[in-house]
Amino acid sequence: MLESDILLTVSREARKDFPRMGANKLLLYLRPKLDQIGLKIGRDAFSALLADHRMLVKRIRSRRKTTFSHHRFYKYPNLIGEYVPSSPNQLWVSDITYIEVGFGFIYLSLITDACSRRIAGWNLAQDLA
């Protein structure tokens, strides 16, 4: 019990300087200090100890940015305005969505009927050309 208290205290001190450091790197950072005081602990046991005391750092996953709104191209006005179609085939709208796959992105272009919400046409491609 005393060893785990010492490990937790040393880990908390290190986390003050490195709040986002993961368990594996934290153990590598603490290894000289632990050797100095004669404590030995493995990677998995150290991770389990931190997990038991809710000291693991949550991984922040970065999402790729697929929209770039600040470009030099002309931004066209909204021609639809408040118009609400009353029957099918009065207004079609289009959209492009990005789908992440193992090697990058594929692009799905859709043409949709605004009244019935049915897809009038679509295209799936590896680029926007």
C-alpha atoms as a PDB file:
ATOM      1  CA  MET A   1       0.000   0.000   0.000  1.00  0.00           C
ATOM      2  CA  LEU A   2       2.851   2.361   0.809  1.00  0.00           C
ATOM      3  CA  GLU A   3       4.446   1.823  -2.621  1.00  0.00           C
ATOM      4  CA  SER A   4       1.267   2.785  -4.468  1.00  0.00           C
ATOM      5  CA  ASP A   5       0.923   5.929  -2.334  1.00  0.00           C
ATOM      6  CA  ILE A   6       4.487   6.944  -3.194  1.00  0.00           C
ATOM      7  CA  LEU A   7       3.883   6.212  -6.887  1.00  0.00           C
ATOM      8  CA  LEU A   8       0.700   8.288  -6.890  1.00  0.00           C
ATOM      9  CA  THR A   9       2.396  11.193  -5.108  1.00  0.00           C
ATOM     10  CA  VAL A  10       5.318  11.189  -7.539  1.00  0.00           C
ATOM     11  CA  SER A  11       2.897  10.927 -10.483  1.00  0.00           C
ATOM     12  CA  ARG A  12       0.814  13.856  -9.246  1.00  0.00           C
ATOM     13  CA  GLU A  13       3.943  15.984  -8.897  1.00  0.00           C
ATOM     14  CA  ALA A  14       5.012  15.128 -12.448  1.00  0.00           C
ATOM     15  CA  ARG A  15       1.516  15.826 -13.777  1.00  0.00           C
ATOM     16  CA  LYS A  16       1.772  19.402 -12.476  1.00  0.00           C
ATOM     17  CA  ASP A  17       4.547  19.980 -15.017  1.00  0.00           C
ATOM     18  CA  PHE A  18       3.159  17.701 -17.738  1.00  0.00           C
ATOM     19  CA  PRO A  19      -0.655  17.578 -17.452  1.00  0.00           C
ATOM     20  CA  ARG A  20      -1.226  15.956 -20.871  1.00  0.00           C
ATOM     21  CA  MET A  21       1.509  13.299 -20.653  1.00  0.00           C
ATOM     22  CA  GLY A  22       0.242   9.752 -21.091  1.00  0.00           C
ATOM     23  CA  ALA A  23       0.945   6.866 -18.736  1.00  0.00           C
ATOM     24  CA  ASN A  24       3.761   5.294 -20.790  1.00  0.00           C
ATOM     25  CA  LYS A  25       5.715   8.522 -21.211  1.00  0.00           C
ATOM     26  CA  LEU A  26       5.039   9.467 -17.604  1.00  0.00           C
ATOM     27  CA  LEU A  27       6.557   6.184 -16.446  1.00  0.00           C
ATOM     28  CA  LEU A  28       9.625   6.748 -18.645  1.00  0.00           C
ATOM     29  CA  TYR A  29       9.956  10.247 -17.201  1.00  0.00           C
ATOM     30  CA  LEU A  30       9.620   8.953 -13.618  1.00  0.00           C
ATOM     31  CA  ARG A  31      11.866   5.893 -14.062  1.00  0.00           C
ATOM     32  CA  PRO A  32      15.114   7.587 -12.817  1.00  0.00           C
ATOM     33  CA  LYS A  33      13.342   8.955  -9.746  1.00  0.00           C
ATOM     34  CA  LEU A  34      11.712   5.581  -9.023  1.00  0.00           C
ATOM     35  CA  ASP A  35      15.066   3.790  -9.391  1.00  0.00           C
ATOM     36  CA  GLN A  36      16.597   6.301  -6.997  1.00  0.00           C
ATOM     37  CA  ILE A  37      14.065   5.495  -4.274  1.00  0.00           C
ATOM     38  CA  GLY A  38      14.119   1.768  -5.056  1.00  0.00           C
ATOM     39  CA  LEU A  39      10.639   1.311  -6.531  1.00  0.00           C
ATOM     40  CA  LYS A  40      10.040  -1.004  -9.473  1.00  0.00           C
ATOM     41  CA  ILE A  41       6.791  -1.126 -11.430  1.00  0.00           C
ATOM     42  CA  GLY A  42       5.951  -2.324 -14.919  1.00  0.00           C
ATOM     43  CA  ARG A  43       4.149  -0.432 -17.641  1.00  0.00           C
ATOM     44  CA  ASP A  44       0.844  -2.284 -17.347  1.00  0.00           C
ATOM     45  CA  ALA A  45       0.768  -2.148 -13.548  1.00  0.00           C
ATOM     46  CA  PHE A  46       1.523   1.598 -13.656  1.00  0.00           C
ATOM     47  CA  SER A  47      -1.269   2.180 -16.184  1.00  0.00           C
ATOM     48  CA  ALA A  48      -3.664   0.119 -14.060  1.00  0.00           C
ATOM     49  CA  LEU A  49      -2.703   2.100 -10.945  1.00  0.00           C
ATOM     50  CA  LEU A  50      -3.379   5.392 -12.732  1.00  0.00           C
ATOM     51  CA  ALA A  51      -6.653   4.023 -14.112  1.00  0.00           C
ATOM     52  CA  ASP A  52      -7.796   2.916 -10.646  1.00  0.00           C
ATOM     53  CA  HIS A  53      -7.261   6.464  -9.381  1.00  0.00           C
ATOM     54  CA  ARG A  54      -8.739   8.154 -12.478  1.00  0.00           C
ATOM     55  CA  MET A  55      -5.424   9.721 -13.414  1.00  0.00           C
ATOM     56  CA  LEU A  56      -5.249   8.567 -17.030  1.00  0.00           C
ATOM     57  CA  VAL A  57      -5.302  11.340 -19.603  1.00  0.00           C
ATOM     58  CA  LYS A  58      -8.136  11.178 -22.119  1.00  0.00           C
ATOM     59  CA  ARG A  59      -6.901  11.070 -25.672  1.00  0.00           C
ATOM     60  CA  ILE A  60      -7.874  14.045 -27.792  1.00  0.00           C
ATOM     61  CA  ARG A  61      -8.595  12.929 -31.311  1.00  0.00           C
ATOM     62  CA  SER A  62      -8.103  15.550 -33.942  1.00  0.00           C
ATOM     63  CA  ARG A  63     -10.629  15.726 -36.729  1.00  0.00           C
ATOM     64  CA  ARG A  64      -9.603  16.698 -40.178  1.00  0.00           C
ATOM     65  CA  LYS A  65     -10.951  20.028 -41.314  1.00  0.00           C
ATOM     66  CA  THR A  66     -12.804  19.580 -44.594  1.00  0.00           C
ATOM     67  CA  THR A  67     -14.477  22.983 -44.874  1.00  0.00           C
ATOM     68  CA  PHE A  68     -12.564  26.135 -45.719  1.00  0.00           C
ATOM     69  CA  SER A  69     -14.925  29.123 -45.747  1.00  0.00           C
ATOM     70  CA  HIS A  70     -12.335  31.900 -45.982  1.00  0.00           C
ATOM     71  CA  HIS A  71     -11.451  31.536 -49.637  1.00  0.00           C
ATOM     72  CA  ARG A  72     -11.015  33.987 -52.509  1.00  0.00           C
ATOM     73  CA  PHE A  73     -13.898  32.633 -54.562  1.00  0.00           C
ATOM     74  CA  TYR A  74     -17.179  34.469 -55.034  1.00  0.00           C
ATOM     75  CA  LYS A  75     -19.898  33.560 -52.579  1.00  0.00           C
ATOM     76  CA  TYR A  76     -23.200  33.376 -54.413  1.00  0.00           C
ATOM     77  CA  PRO A  77     -26.354  34.739 -52.778  1.00  0.00           C
ATOM     78  CA  ASN A  78     -29.127  32.426 -51.608  1.00  0.00           C
ATOM     79  CA  LEU A  79     -31.599  32.462 -54.510  1.00  0.00           C
ATOM     80  CA  ILE A  80     -34.173  30.353 -52.685  1.00  0.00           C
ATOM     81  CA  GLY A  81     -34.833  32.789 -49.841  1.00  0.00           C
ATOM     82  CA  GLU A  82     -38.081  31.929 -48.060  1.00  0.00           C
ATOM     83  CA  TYR A  83     -39.469  29.916 -50.992  1.00  0.00           C
ATOM     84  CA  VAL A  84     -41.106  26.634 -49.942  1.00  0.00           C
ATOM     85  CA  PRO A  85     -41.874  24.205 -52.793  1.00  0.00           C
ATOM     86  CA  SER A  86     -45.428  22.854 -52.818  1.00  0.00           C
ATOM     87  CA  SER A  87     -44.861  19.828 -55.063  1.00  0.00           C
ATOM     88  CA  PRO A  88     -41.946  17.681 -56.253  1.00  0.00           C
ATOM     89  CA  ASN A  89     -39.550  18.861 -58.977  1.00  0.00           C
ATOM     90  CA  GLN A  90     -40.055  22.564 -58.216  1.00  0.00           C
ATOM     91  CA  LEU A  91     -36.748  22.950 -56.401  1.00  0.00           C
ATOM     92  CA  TRP A  92     -33.654  20.808 -56.378  1.00  0.00           C
ATOM     93  CA  VAL A  93     -30.780  21.409 -53.981  1.00  0.00           C
ATOM     94  CA  SER A  94     -27.274  19.982 -53.994  1.00  0.00           C
ATOM     95  CA  ASP A  95     -24.700  19.138 -51.385  1.00  0.00           C
ATOM     96  CA  ILE A  96     -21.231  17.618 -51.156  1.00  0.00           C
ATOM     97  CA  THR A  97     -20.179  15.515 -48.199  1.00  0.00           C
ATOM     98  CA  TYR A  98     -16.784  14.073 -47.358  1.00  0.00           C
ATOM     99  CA  ILE A  99     -16.499  10.460 -46.248  1.00  0.00           C
ATOM    100  CA  GLU A 100     -13.258   9.432 -44.550  1.00  0.00           C
ATOM    101  CA  VAL A 101     -11.898   6.077 -45.674  1.00  0.00           C
ATOM    102  CA  GLY A 102      -8.602   4.328 -44.984  1.00  0.00           C
ATOM    103  CA  PHE A 103      -6.615   6.155 -47.663  1.00  0.00           C
ATOM    104  CA  GLY A 104      -8.124   9.654 -47.297  1.00  0.00           C
ATOM    105  CA  PHE A 105     -11.504  10.978 -48.359  1.00  0.00           C
ATOM    106  CA  ILE A 106     -14.091  10.182 -50.974  1.00  0.00           C
ATOM    107  CA  TYR A 107     -16.644  12.760 -51.984  1.00  0.00           C
ATOM    108  CA  LEU A 108     -20.377  12.196 -52.272  1.00  0.00           C
ATOM    109  CA  SER A 109     -22.333  14.734 -54.325  1.00  0.00           C
ATOM    110  CA  LEU A 110     -26.113  14.653 -53.983  1.00  0.00           C
ATOM    111  CA  ILE A 111     -28.948  16.367 -55.849  1.00  0.00           C
ATOM    112  CA  THR A 112     -32.100  16.240 -53.732  1.00  0.00           C
ATOM    113  CA  ASP A 113     -35.688  17.286 -54.387  1.00  0.00           C
ATOM    114  CA  ALA A 114     -36.440  19.912 -51.737  1.00  0.00           C
ATOM    115  CA  CYS A 115     -40.137  18.996 -51.414  1.00  0.00           C
ATOM    116  CA  SER A 116     -40.065  15.190 -51.313  1.00  0.00           C
ATOM    117  CA  ARG A 117     -36.463  14.902 -49.995  1.00  0.00           C
ATOM    118  CA  ARG A 118     -35.836  12.187 -52.582  1.00  0.00           C
ATOM    119  CA  ILE A 119     -32.406  11.910 -54.104  1.00  0.00           C
ATOM    120  CA  ALA A 120     -32.623  12.873 -57.776  1.00  0.00           C
ATOM    121  CA  GLY A 121     -28.980  12.069 -58.506  1.00  0.00           C
ATOM    122  CA  TRP A 122     -25.663  11.317 -56.878  1.00  0.00           C
ATOM    123  CA  ASN A 123     -21.978  10.811 -57.641  1.00  0.00           C
ATOM    124  CA  LEU A 124     -19.221   9.218 -55.578  1.00  0.00           C
ATOM    125  CA  ALA A 125     -15.653  10.157 -56.532  1.00  0.00           C
ATOM    126  CA  GLN A 126     -12.100  10.239 -55.181  1.00  0.00           C
ATOM    127  CA  ASP A 127     -11.684  13.912 -56.056  1.00  0.00           C
ATOM    128  CA  LEU A 128     -13.838  16.953 -56.744  1.00  0.00           C
ATOM    129  CA  ALA A 129     -12.766  17.293 -60.383  1.00  0.00           C
END
